[in-house]
Amino acid sequence: GVMREEQLGAKRGFICSLCAHEWEFPRVMCPGCGEDRNDA
């Protein structure tokens, strides 16, 4: 994952393990199962 500056803080993205493409992904979400509860 990568955090980059944006106007109100930082945005999160992912970098592909094969083609190195970078795309945005929610800061508070598990890419493995979609979990978005802070306590998990």
Full PDB file with SEQRES, HELIX, SHEET, SSBOND, CRYST1, ORIGX, SCALE, CONECT and MASTER records, all heavy atoms in Angstrom:
SEQRES   1 A   40  GLY VAL MET ARG GLU GLU GLN LEU GLY ALA LYS ARG GLY          
SEQRES   2 A   40  PHE ILE CYS SER LEU CYS ALA HIS GLU TRP GLU PHE PRO          
SEQRES   3 A   40  ARG VAL MET CYS PRO GLY CYS GLY GLU ASP ARG ASN ASP          
SEQRES   4 A   40  ALA                                                          
SHEET    1 AA1 3 VAL A   2  GLU A   6  0                                        
SHEET    2 AA1 3 GLY A   9  ILE A  15 -1                                        
SHEET    3 AA1 3 GLU A  22  GLU A  24 -1                                        
CRYST1    1.000    1.000    1.000  90.00  90.00  90.00 P 1           1          
ORIGX1      1.000000  0.000000  0.000000        0.00000                         
ORIGX2      0.000000  1.000000  0.000000        0.00000                         
ORIGX3      0.000000  0.000000  1.000000        0.00000                         
SCALE1      1.000000  0.000000  0.000000        0.00000                         
SCALE2      0.000000  1.000000  0.000000        0.00000                         
SCALE3      0.000000  0.000000  1.000000        0.00000                         
ATOM      1  N   GLY A   1       0.833  -1.189   0.000  1.00  0.00           N  
ATOM      2  CA  GLY A   1       0.000   0.000   0.000  1.00  0.00           C  
ATOM      3  C   GLY A   1       0.871   1.243   0.000  1.00  0.00           C  
ATOM      4  O   GLY A   1       2.063   1.193   0.329  1.00  0.00           O  
ATOM      5  N   VAL A   2       0.275   2.373  -0.362  1.00  0.00           N  
ATOM      6  CA  VAL A   2       1.012   3.629  -0.384  1.00  0.00           C  
ATOM      7  C   VAL A   2       0.094   4.759   0.044  1.00  0.00           C  
ATOM      8  O   VAL A   2      -1.092   4.782  -0.324  1.00  0.00           O  
ATOM      9  CB  VAL A   2       1.613   3.893  -1.789  1.00  0.00           C  
ATOM     10  CG1 VAL A   2       0.540   3.924  -2.860  1.00  0.00           C  
ATOM     11  CG2 VAL A   2       2.434   5.170  -1.806  1.00  0.00           C  
ATOM     12  N   MET A   3       0.617   5.643   0.865  1.00  0.00           N  
ATOM     13  CA  MET A   3      -0.117   6.827   1.296  1.00  0.00           C  
ATOM     14  C   MET A   3       0.492   8.042   0.612  1.00  0.00           C  
ATOM     15  O   MET A   3       1.709   8.248   0.669  1.00  0.00           O  
ATOM     16  CB  MET A   3      -0.045   6.987   2.815  1.00  0.00           C  
ATOM     17  CG  MET A   3      -0.636   5.833   3.600  1.00  0.00           C  
ATOM     18  SD  MET A   3      -2.439   5.725   3.463  1.00  0.00           S  
ATOM     19  CE  MET A   3      -2.908   7.121   4.486  1.00  0.00           C  
ATOM     20  N   ARG A   4      -0.368   8.851  -0.031  1.00  0.00           N  
ATOM     21  CA  ARG A   4       0.073  10.059  -0.711  1.00  0.00           C  
ATOM     22  C   ARG A   4      -0.730  11.251  -0.195  1.00  0.00           C  
ATOM     23  O   ARG A   4      -1.883  11.100   0.213  1.00  0.00           O  
ATOM     24  CB  ARG A   4      -0.119   9.929  -2.228  1.00  0.00           C  
ATOM     25  CG  ARG A   4       0.727   8.838  -2.874  1.00  0.00           C  
ATOM     26  CD  ARG A   4       0.579   8.856  -4.388  1.00  0.00           C  
ATOM     27  NE  ARG A   4       1.326   7.778  -5.011  1.00  0.00           N  
ATOM     28  CZ  ARG A   4       2.616   7.852  -5.330  1.00  0.00           C  
ATOM     29  NH1 ARG A   4       3.280   8.962  -5.066  1.00  0.00           N  
ATOM     30  NH2 ARG A   4       3.235   6.833  -5.901  1.00  0.00           N  
ATOM     31  N   GLU A   5      -0.121  12.410  -0.263  1.00  0.00           N  
ATOM     32  CA  GLU A   5      -0.783  13.620   0.208  1.00  0.00           C  
ATOM     33  C   GLU A   5      -1.989  13.971  -0.661  1.00  0.00           C  
ATOM     34  O   GLU A   5      -1.990  13.779  -1.867  1.00  0.00           O  
ATOM     35  CB  GLU A   5       0.190  14.809   0.191  1.00  0.00           C  
ATOM     36  CG  GLU A   5       1.185  14.808   1.327  1.00  0.00           C  
ATOM     37  CD  GLU A   5       1.964  16.111   1.397  1.00  0.00           C  
ATOM     38  OE1 GLU A   5       1.440  17.132   0.906  1.00  0.00           O  
ATOM     39  OE2 GLU A   5       3.070  16.098   1.946  1.00  0.00           O  
ATOM     40  N   GLU A   6      -3.041  14.448  -0.012  1.00  0.00           N  
ATOM     41  CA  GLU A   6      -4.153  15.083  -0.702  1.00  0.00           C  
ATOM     42  C   GLU A   6      -4.603  16.257   0.166  1.00  0.00           C  
ATOM     43  O   GLU A   6      -4.067  16.494   1.241  1.00  0.00           O  
ATOM     44  CB  GLU A   6      -5.291  14.106  -0.978  1.00  0.00           C  
ATOM     45  CG  GLU A   6      -5.982  13.556   0.236  1.00  0.00           C  
ATOM     46  CD  GLU A   6      -7.186  12.688  -0.147  1.00  0.00           C  
ATOM     47  OE1 GLU A   6      -7.428  12.525  -1.353  1.00  0.00           O  
ATOM     48  OE2 GLU A   6      -7.864  12.196   0.761  1.00  0.00           O  
ATOM     49  N   GLN A   7      -5.603  16.974  -0.249  1.00  0.00           N  
ATOM     50  CA  GLN A   7      -5.951  18.240   0.399  1.00  0.00           C  
ATOM     51  C   GLN A   7      -6.257  18.099   1.883  1.00  0.00           C  
ATOM     52  O   GLN A   7      -5.816  18.903   2.694  1.00  0.00           O  
ATOM     53  CB  GLN A   7      -7.136  18.885  -0.322  1.00  0.00           C  
ATOM     54  CG  GLN A   7      -6.784  19.376  -1.714  1.00  0.00           C  
ATOM     55  CD  GLN A   7      -7.959  20.045  -2.393  1.00  0.00           C  
ATOM     56  OE1 GLN A   7      -9.109  19.892  -1.960  1.00  0.00           O  
ATOM     57  NE2 GLN A   7      -7.696  20.781  -3.462  1.00  0.00           N  
ATOM     58  N   LEU A   8      -7.008  17.086   2.260  1.00  0.00           N  
ATOM     59  CA  LEU A   8      -7.446  16.959   3.654  1.00  0.00           C  
ATOM     60  C   LEU A   8      -6.774  15.794   4.371  1.00  0.00           C  
ATOM     61  O   LEU A   8      -7.388  15.122   5.191  1.00  0.00           O  
ATOM     62  CB  LEU A   8      -8.975  16.801   3.700  1.00  0.00           C  
ATOM     63  CG  LEU A   8      -9.771  17.960   3.107  1.00  0.00           C  
ATOM     64  CD1 LEU A   8     -11.261  17.647   3.128  1.00  0.00           C  
ATOM     65  CD2 LEU A   8      -9.484  19.256   3.881  1.00  0.00           C  
ATOM     66  N   GLY A   9      -5.511  15.555   4.070  1.00  0.00           N  
ATOM     67  CA  GLY A   9      -4.820  14.475   4.755  1.00  0.00           C  
ATOM     68  C   GLY A   9      -3.996  13.640   3.806  1.00  0.00           C  
ATOM     69  O   GLY A   9      -3.080  14.134   3.158  1.00  0.00           O  
ATOM     70  N   ALA A  10      -4.319  12.356   3.706  1.00  0.00           N  
ATOM     71  CA  ALA A  10      -3.584  11.460   2.825  1.00  0.00           C  
ATOM     72  C   ALA A  10      -4.547  10.442   2.229  1.00  0.00           C  
ATOM     73  O   ALA A  10      -5.488   9.993   2.885  1.00  0.00           O  
ATOM     74  CB  ALA A  10      -2.469  10.756   3.587  1.00  0.00           C  
ATOM     75  N   LYS A  11      -4.296  10.072   0.983  1.00  0.00           N  
ATOM     76  CA  LYS A  11      -5.115   9.049   0.341  1.00  0.00           C  
ATOM     77  C   LYS A  11      -4.306   7.765   0.239  1.00  0.00           C  
ATOM     78  O   LYS A  11      -3.074   7.780   0.136  1.00  0.00           O  
ATOM     79  CB  LYS A  11      -5.578   9.502  -1.037  1.00  0.00           C  
ATOM     80  CG  LYS A  11      -4.456   9.728  -2.039  1.00  0.00           C  
ATOM     81  CD  LYS A  11      -5.021  10.150  -3.394  1.00  0.00           C  
ATOM     82  CE  LYS A  11      -3.888  10.381  -4.405  1.00  0.00           C  
ATOM     83  NZ  LYS A  11      -4.428  10.790  -5.729  1.00  0.00           N  
ATOM     84  N   ARG A  12      -5.005   6.655   0.262  1.00  0.00           N  
ATOM     85  CA  ARG A  12      -4.359   5.351   0.223  1.00  0.00           C  
ATOM     86  C   ARG A  12      -4.542   4.720  -1.147  1.00  0.00           C  
ATOM     87  O   ARG A  12      -5.603   4.831  -1.770  1.00  0.00           O  
ATOM     88  CB  ARG A  12      -4.981   4.438   1.285  1.00  0.00           C  
ATOM     89  CG  ARG A  12      -4.388   3.036   1.361  1.00  0.00           C  
ATOM     90  CD  ARG A  12      -5.323   2.145   2.156  1.00  0.00           C  
ATOM     91  NE  ARG A  12      -4.719   0.907   2.574  1.00  0.00           N  
ATOM     92  CZ  ARG A  12      -5.404  -0.115   3.096  1.00  0.00           C  
ATOM     93  NH1 ARG A  12      -6.716  -0.016   3.251  1.00  0.00           N  
ATOM     94  NH2 ARG A  12      -4.795  -1.210   3.466  1.00  0.00           N  
ATOM     95  N   GLY A  13      -3.492   4.080  -1.612  1.00  0.00           N  
ATOM     96  CA  GLY A  13      -3.567   3.332  -2.852  1.00  0.00           C  
ATOM     97  C   GLY A  13      -2.838   2.011  -2.698  1.00  0.00           C  
ATOM     98  O   GLY A  13      -2.178   1.757  -1.688  1.00  0.00           O  
ATOM     99  N   PHE A  14      -2.964   1.170  -3.714  1.00  0.00           N  
ATOM    100  CA  PHE A  14      -2.228  -0.089  -3.768  1.00  0.00           C  
ATOM    101  C   PHE A  14      -1.382  -0.129  -5.026  1.00  0.00           C  
ATOM    102  O   PHE A  14      -1.754   0.451  -6.050  1.00  0.00           O  
ATOM    103  CB  PHE A  14      -3.189  -1.285  -3.770  1.00  0.00           C  
ATOM    104  CG  PHE A  14      -3.759  -1.621  -2.422  1.00  0.00           C  
ATOM    105  CD1 PHE A  14      -5.080  -2.015  -2.303  1.00  0.00           C  
ATOM    106  CD2 PHE A  14      -2.979  -1.578  -1.282  1.00  0.00           C  
ATOM    107  CE1 PHE A  14      -5.617  -2.334  -1.066  1.00  0.00           C  
ATOM    108  CE2 PHE A  14      -3.509  -1.888  -0.041  1.00  0.00           C  
ATOM    109  CZ  PHE A  14      -4.826  -2.279   0.063  1.00  0.00           C  
ATOM    110  N   ILE A  15      -0.265  -0.842  -4.948  1.00  0.00           N  
ATOM    111  CA  ILE A  15       0.599  -1.051  -6.098  1.00  0.00           C  
ATOM    112  C   ILE A  15       0.558  -2.530  -6.457  1.00  0.00           C  
ATOM    113  O   ILE A  15       0.759  -3.396  -5.601  1.00  0.00           O  
ATOM    114  CB  ILE A  15       2.044  -0.608  -5.805  1.00  0.00           C  
ATOM    115  CG1 ILE A  15       2.080   0.897  -5.547  1.00  0.00           C  
ATOM    116  CG2 ILE A  15       2.970  -0.972  -6.971  1.00  0.00           C  
ATOM    117  CD1 ILE A  15       3.440   1.423  -5.144  1.00  0.00           C  
ATOM    118  N   CYS A  16       0.298  -2.799  -7.731  1.00  0.00           N  
ATOM    119  CA  CYS A  16       0.140  -4.176  -8.198  1.00  0.00           C  
ATOM    120  C   CYS A  16       1.448  -4.949  -8.106  1.00  0.00           C  
ATOM    121  O   CYS A  16       2.527  -4.430  -8.393  1.00  0.00           O  
ATOM    122  CB  CYS A  16      -0.361  -4.155  -9.639  1.00  0.00           C  
ATOM    123  SG  CYS A  16      -0.527  -5.805 -10.368  1.00  0.00           S  
ATOM    124  N   SER A  17       1.343  -6.215  -7.748  1.00  0.00           N  
ATOM    125  CA  SER A  17       2.513  -7.077  -7.590  1.00  0.00           C  
ATOM    126  C   SER A  17       3.095  -7.517  -8.924  1.00  0.00           C  
ATOM    127  O   SER A  17       4.212  -8.035  -8.969  1.00  0.00           O  
ATOM    128  CB  SER A  17       2.145  -8.323  -6.770  1.00  0.00           C  
ATOM    129  OG  SER A  17       1.082  -9.032  -7.394  1.00  0.00           O  
ATOM    130  N   LEU A  18       2.371  -7.308 -10.028  1.00  0.00           N  
ATOM    131  CA  LEU A  18       2.880  -7.709 -11.342  1.00  0.00           C  
ATOM    132  C   LEU A  18       3.170  -6.513 -12.245  1.00  0.00           C  
ATOM    133  O   LEU A  18       4.300  -6.324 -12.675  1.00  0.00           O  
ATOM    134  CB  LEU A  18       1.898  -8.666 -12.037  1.00  0.00           C  
ATOM    135  CG  LEU A  18       2.323  -9.162 -13.421  1.00  0.00           C  
ATOM    136  CD1 LEU A  18       3.652  -9.916 -13.355  1.00  0.00           C  
ATOM    137  CD2 LEU A  18       1.238 -10.041 -14.040  1.00  0.00           C  
ATOM    138  N   CYS A  19       2.166  -5.688 -12.518  1.00  0.00           N  
ATOM    139  CA  CYS A  19       2.344  -4.626 -13.517  1.00  0.00           C  
ATOM    140  C   CYS A  19       2.667  -3.265 -12.916  1.00  0.00           C  
ATOM    141  O   CYS A  19       2.851  -2.298 -13.652  1.00  0.00           O  
ATOM    142  CB  CYS A  19       1.106  -4.524 -14.415  1.00  0.00           C  
ATOM    143  SG  CYS A  19      -0.346  -3.783 -13.614  1.00  0.00           S  
ATOM    144  N   ALA A  20       2.717  -3.150 -11.584  1.00  0.00           N  
ATOM    145  CA  ALA A  20       3.083  -1.920 -10.865  1.00  0.00           C  
ATOM    146  C   ALA A  20       2.058  -0.807 -11.012  1.00  0.00           C  
ATOM    147  O   ALA A  20       2.330   0.325 -10.633  1.00  0.00           O  
ATOM    148  CB  ALA A  20       4.462  -1.418 -11.298  1.00  0.00           C  
ATOM    149  N   HIS A  21       0.870  -1.107 -11.541  1.00  0.00           N  
ATOM    150  CA  HIS A  21      -0.181  -0.092 -11.592  1.00  0.00           C  
ATOM    151  C   HIS A  21      -0.601   0.275 -10.169  1.00  0.00           C  
ATOM    152  O   HIS A  21      -0.655  -0.571  -9.283  1.00  0.00           O  
ATOM    153  CB  HIS A  21      -1.391  -0.629 -12.366  1.00  0.00           C  
ATOM    154  CG  HIS A  21      -2.587   0.261 -12.308  1.00  0.00           C  
ATOM    155  ND1 HIS A  21      -2.592   1.528 -12.826  1.00  0.00           N  
ATOM    156  CD2 HIS A  21      -3.838   0.061 -11.777  1.00  0.00           C  
ATOM    157  CE1 HIS A  21      -3.782   2.089 -12.635  1.00  0.00           C  
ATOM    158  NE2 HIS A  21      -4.544   1.215 -11.996  1.00  0.00           N  
ATOM    159  N   GLU A  22      -0.894   1.542  -9.963  1.00  0.00           N  
ATOM    160  CA  GLU A  22      -1.341   2.021  -8.657  1.00  0.00           C  
ATOM    161  C   GLU A  22      -2.789   2.488  -8.745  1.00  0.00           C  
ATOM    162  O   GLU A  22      -3.140   3.234  -9.654  1.00  0.00           O  
ATOM    163  CB  GLU A  22      -0.459   3.172  -8.183  1.00  0.00           C  
ATOM    164  CG  GLU A  22      -0.796   3.665  -6.779  1.00  0.00           C  
ATOM    165  CD  GLU A  22       0.132   4.771  -6.310  1.00  0.00           C  
ATOM    166  OE1 GLU A  22       1.324   4.753  -6.685  1.00  0.00           O  
ATOM    167  OE2 GLU A  22      -0.338   5.657  -5.564  1.00  0.00           O  
ATOM    168  N   TRP A  23      -3.614   2.013  -7.820  1.00  0.00           N  
ATOM    169  CA  TRP A  23      -5.013   2.423  -7.810  1.00  0.00           C  
ATOM    170  C   TRP A  23      -5.442   2.760  -6.393  1.00  0.00           C  
ATOM    171  O   TRP A  23      -4.852   2.287  -5.424  1.00  0.00           O  
ATOM    172  CB  TRP A  23      -5.910   1.330  -8.403  1.00  0.00           C  
ATOM    173  CG  TRP A  23      -6.071   0.077  -7.591  1.00  0.00           C  
ATOM    174  CD1 TRP A  23      -7.123  -0.246  -6.772  1.00  0.00           C  
ATOM    175  CD2 TRP A  23      -5.173  -1.052  -7.535  1.00  0.00           C  
ATOM    176  NE1 TRP A  23      -6.932  -1.490  -6.209  1.00  0.00           N  
ATOM    177  CE2 TRP A  23      -5.751  -2.004  -6.656  1.00  0.00           C  
ATOM    178  CE3 TRP A  23      -3.949  -1.337  -8.134  1.00  0.00           C  
ATOM    179  CZ2 TRP A  23      -5.140  -3.222  -6.377  1.00  0.00           C  
ATOM    180  CZ3 TRP A  23      -3.327  -2.556  -7.847  1.00  0.00           C  
ATOM    181  CH2 TRP A  23      -3.922  -3.476  -6.976  1.00  0.00           C  
ATOM    182  N   GLU A  24      -6.460   3.607  -6.278  1.00  0.00           N  
ATOM    183  CA  GLU A  24      -6.930   4.048  -4.970  1.00  0.00           C  
ATOM    184  C   GLU A  24      -7.756   2.963  -4.286  1.00  0.00           C  
ATOM    185  O   GLU A  24      -8.436   2.161  -4.945  1.00  0.00           O  
ATOM    186  CB  GLU A  24      -7.770   5.320  -5.113  1.00  0.00           C  
ATOM    187  CG  GLU A  24      -6.963   6.546  -5.515  1.00  0.00           C  
ATOM    188  CD  GLU A  24      -7.806   7.810  -5.518  1.00  0.00           C  
ATOM    189  OE1 GLU A  24      -8.822   7.850  -4.806  1.00  0.00           O  
ATOM    190  OE2 GLU A  24      -7.427   8.764  -6.223  1.00  0.00           O  
ATOM    191  N   PHE A  25      -7.667   2.968  -2.952  1.00  0.00           N  
ATOM    192  CA  PHE A  25      -8.423   2.008  -2.146  1.00  0.00           C  
ATOM    193  C   PHE A  25      -8.740   2.674  -0.820  1.00  0.00           C  
ATOM    194  O   PHE A  25      -7.923   3.445  -0.295  1.00  0.00           O  
ATOM    195  CB  PHE A  25      -7.599   0.736  -1.917  1.00  0.00           C  
ATOM    196  CG  PHE A  25      -8.400  -0.423  -1.390  1.00  0.00           C  
ATOM    197  CD1 PHE A  25      -9.169  -1.198  -2.244  1.00  0.00           C  
ATOM    198  CD2 PHE A  25      -8.386  -0.736  -0.036  1.00  0.00           C  
ATOM    199  CE1 PHE A  25      -9.909  -2.272  -1.757  1.00  0.00           C  
ATOM    200  CE2 PHE A  25      -9.122  -1.803   0.451  1.00  0.00           C  
ATOM    201  CZ  PHE A  25      -9.883  -2.570  -0.413  1.00  0.00           C  
ATOM    202  N   PRO A  26      -9.930   2.408  -0.230  1.00  0.00           N  
ATOM    203  CA  PRO A  26     -10.296   3.062   1.037  1.00  0.00           C  
ATOM    204  C   PRO A  26      -9.255   2.848   2.121  1.00  0.00           C  
ATOM    205  O   PRO A  26      -8.674   1.771   2.252  1.00  0.00           O  
ATOM    206  CB  PRO A  26     -11.626   2.377   1.401  1.00  0.00           C  
ATOM    207  CG  PRO A  26     -12.188   1.934   0.092  1.00  0.00           C  
ATOM    208  CD  PRO A  26     -11.012   1.543  -0.739  1.00  0.00           C  
ATOM    209  N   ARG A  27      -9.026   3.885   2.915  1.00  0.00           N  
ATOM    210  CA  ARG A  27      -8.029   3.808   3.978  1.00  0.00           C  
ATOM    211  C   ARG A  27      -8.418   2.804   5.048  1.00  0.00           C  
ATOM    212  O   ARG A  27      -7.560   2.134   5.626  1.00  0.00           O  
ATOM    213  CB  ARG A  27      -7.825   5.188   4.619  1.00  0.00           C  
ATOM    214  CG  ARG A  27      -7.119   6.181   3.725  1.00  0.00           C  
ATOM    215  CD  ARG A  27      -6.822   7.481   4.460  1.00  0.00           C  
ATOM    216  NE  ARG A  27      -5.964   7.277   5.628  1.00  0.00           N  
ATOM    217  CZ  ARG A  27      -5.410   8.250   6.331  1.00  0.00           C  
ATOM    218  NH1 ARG A  27      -5.638   9.522   5.987  1.00  0.00           N  
ATOM    219  NH2 ARG A  27      -4.652   8.009   7.373  1.00  0.00           N  
ATOM    220  N   VAL A  28      -9.702   2.725   5.366  1.00  0.00           N  
ATOM    221  CA  VAL A  28     -10.156   1.831   6.441  1.00  0.00           C  
ATOM    222  C   VAL A  28     -10.968   0.704   5.829  1.00  0.00           C  
ATOM    223  O   VAL A  28     -12.200   0.693   5.858  1.00  0.00           O  
ATOM    224  CB  VAL A  28     -10.985   2.598   7.493  1.00  0.00           C  
ATOM    225  CG1 VAL A  28     -11.334   1.682   8.656  1.00  0.00           C  
ATOM    226  CG2 VAL A  28     -10.223   3.814   7.998  1.00  0.00           C  
ATOM    227  N   MET A  29     -10.270  -0.245   5.225  1.00  0.00           N  
ATOM    228  CA  MET A  29     -10.913  -1.434   4.664  1.00  0.00           C  
ATOM    229  C   MET A  29      -9.842  -2.489   4.416  1.00  0.00           C  
ATOM    230  O   MET A  29      -8.760  -2.190   3.921  1.00  0.00           O  
ATOM    231  CB  MET A  29     -11.651  -1.122   3.362  1.00  0.00           C  
ATOM    232  CG  MET A  29     -12.298  -2.359   2.713  1.00  0.00           C  
ATOM    233  SD  MET A  29     -13.263  -1.975   1.230  1.00  0.00           S  
ATOM    234  CE  MET A  29     -14.704  -1.202   1.993  1.00  0.00           C  
ATOM    235  N   CYS A  30     -10.152  -3.729   4.768  1.00  0.00           N  
ATOM    236  CA  CYS A  30      -9.233  -4.833   4.525  1.00  0.00           C  
ATOM    237  C   CYS A  30      -9.346  -5.284   3.069  1.00  0.00           C  
ATOM    238  O   CYS A  30     -10.448  -5.611   2.613  1.00  0.00           O  
ATOM    239  CB  CYS A  30      -9.545  -5.998   5.455  1.00  0.00           C  
ATOM    240  SG  CYS A  30      -8.645  -7.523   5.055  1.00  0.00           S  
ATOM    241  N   PRO A  31      -8.244  -5.350   2.328  1.00  0.00           N  
ATOM    242  CA  PRO A  31      -8.318  -5.819   0.945  1.00  0.00           C  
ATOM    243  C   PRO A  31      -8.539  -7.321   0.841  1.00  0.00           C  
ATOM    244  O   PRO A  31      -8.902  -7.830  -0.217  1.00  0.00           O  
ATOM    245  CB  PRO A  31      -6.952  -5.434   0.371  1.00  0.00           C  
ATOM    246  CG  PRO A  31      -6.047  -5.411   1.558  1.00  0.00           C  
ATOM    247  CD  PRO A  31      -6.890  -4.914   2.697  1.00  0.00           C  
ATOM    248  N   GLY A  32      -8.334  -8.028   1.949  1.00  0.00           N  
ATOM    249  CA  GLY A  32      -8.516  -9.468   1.922  1.00  0.00           C  
ATOM    250  C   GLY A  32      -9.959  -9.905   2.025  1.00  0.00           C  
ATOM    251  O   GLY A  32     -10.397 -10.826   1.343  1.00  0.00           O  
ATOM    252  N   CYS A  33     -10.742  -9.222   2.906  1.00  0.00           N  
ATOM    253  CA  CYS A  33     -12.118  -9.661   3.133  1.00  0.00           C  
ATOM    254  C   CYS A  33     -13.130  -8.530   3.103  1.00  0.00           C  
ATOM    255  O   CYS A  33     -14.332  -8.765   3.249  1.00  0.00           O  
ATOM    256  CB  CYS A  33     -12.219 -10.416   4.450  1.00  0.00           C  
ATOM    257  SG  CYS A  33     -11.943  -9.393   5.923  1.00  0.00           S  
ATOM    258  N   GLY A  34     -12.679  -7.291   2.958  1.00  0.00           N  
ATOM    259  CA  GLY A  34     -13.604  -6.159   2.915  1.00  0.00           C  
ATOM    260  C   GLY A  34     -14.007  -5.638   4.282  1.00  0.00           C  
ATOM    261  O   GLY A  34     -14.853  -4.739   4.377  1.00  0.00           O  
ATOM    262  N   GLU A  35     -13.426  -6.169   5.344  1.00  0.00           N  
ATOM    263  CA  GLU A  35     -13.751  -5.699   6.702  1.00  0.00           C  
ATOM    264  C   GLU A  35     -13.488  -4.193   6.812  1.00  0.00           C  
ATOM    265  O   GLU A  35     -12.457  -3.691   6.372  1.00  0.00           O  
ATOM    266  CB  GLU A  35     -12.881  -6.443   7.713  1.00  0.00           C  
ATOM    267  CG  GLU A  35     -13.098  -6.037   9.155  1.00  0.00           C  
ATOM    268  CD  GLU A  35     -14.483  -6.363   9.657  1.00  0.00           C  
ATOM    269  OE1 GLU A  35     -14.715  -7.539   9.992  1.00  0.00           O  
ATOM    270  OE2 GLU A  35     -15.314  -5.420   9.705  1.00  0.00           O  
ATOM    271  N   ASP A  36     -14.469  -3.470   7.413  1.00  0.00           N  
ATOM    272  CA  ASP A  36     -14.285  -2.023   7.565  1.00  0.00           C  
ATOM    273  C   ASP A  36     -14.593  -1.534   8.973  1.00  0.00           C  
ATOM    274  O   ASP A  36     -14.720  -0.337   9.201  1.00  0.00           O  
ATOM    275  CB  ASP A  36     -15.138  -1.262   6.542  1.00  0.00           C  
ATOM    276  CG  ASP A  36     -16.624  -1.548   6.686  1.00  0.00           C  
ATOM    277  OD1 ASP A  36     -17.014  -2.316   7.599  1.00  0.00           O  
ATOM    278  OD2 ASP A  36     -17.404  -1.004   5.880  1.00  0.00           O  
ATOM    279  N   ARG A  37     -14.688  -2.440   9.939  1.00  0.00           N  
ATOM    280  CA  ARG A  37     -14.891  -2.036  11.331  1.00  0.00           C  
ATOM    281  C   ARG A  37     -13.539  -1.714  11.954  1.00  0.00           C  
ATOM    282  O   ARG A  37     -12.608  -2.524  11.894  1.00  0.00           O  
ATOM    283  CB  ARG A  37     -15.572  -3.153  12.112  1.00  0.00           C  
ATOM    284  CG  ARG A  37     -17.010  -3.469  11.676  1.00  0.00           C  
ATOM    285  CD  ARG A  37     -17.543  -4.667  12.445  1.00  0.00           C  
ATOM    286  NE  ARG A  37     -16.712  -5.850  12.199  1.00  0.00           N  
ATOM    287  CZ  ARG A  37     -16.555  -6.851  13.063  1.00  0.00           C  
ATOM    288  NH1 ARG A  37     -17.156  -6.801  14.248  1.00  0.00           N  
ATOM    289  NH2 ARG A  37     -15.800  -7.894  12.755  1.00  0.00           N  
ATOM    290  N   ASN A  38     -13.434  -0.543  12.554  1.00  0.00           N  
ATOM    291  CA  ASN A  38     -12.162  -0.111  13.128  1.00  0.00           C  
ATOM    292  C   ASN A  38     -11.619  -1.075  14.171  1.00  0.00           C  
ATOM    293  O   ASN A  38     -10.398  -1.273  14.268  1.00  0.00           O  
ATOM    294  CB  ASN A  38     -12.318   1.279  13.753  1.00  0.00           C  
ATOM    295  CG  ASN A  38     -12.312   2.385  12.724  1.00  0.00           C  
ATOM    296  OD1 ASN A  38     -11.520   2.356  11.796  1.00  0.00           O  
ATOM    297  ND2 ASN A  38     -13.198   3.357  12.882  1.00  0.00           N  
ATOM    298  N   ASP A  39     -12.533  -1.670  14.962  1.00  0.00           N  
ATOM    299  CA  ASP A  39     -12.060  -2.548  16.032  1.00  0.00           C  
ATOM    300  C   ASP A  39     -11.510  -3.880  15.516  1.00  0.00           C  
ATOM    301  O   ASP A  39     -10.906  -4.643  16.271  1.00  0.00           O  
ATOM    302  CB  ASP A  39     -13.170  -2.800  17.061  1.00  0.00           C  
ATOM    303  CG  ASP A  39     -14.410  -3.449  16.455  1.00  0.00           C  
ATOM    304  OD1 ASP A  39     -14.472  -3.581  15.218  1.00  0.00           O  
ATOM    305  OD2 ASP A  39     -15.310  -3.822  17.224  1.00  0.00           O  
ATOM    306  N   ALA A  40     -11.712  -4.191  14.230  1.00  0.00           N  
ATOM    307  CA  ALA A  40     -11.183  -5.429  13.648  1.00  0.00           C  
ATOM    308  C   ALA A  40      -9.917  -5.179  12.827  1.00  0.00           C  
ATOM    309  O   ALA A  40      -9.299  -6.123  12.336  1.00  0.00           O  
ATOM    310  CB  ALA A  40     -12.236  -6.097  12.763  1.00  0.00           C  
TER     311      ALA A  40                                                      
MASTER        0    0    0    0    3    0    0    6  310    1    0    4          
END                                                                             
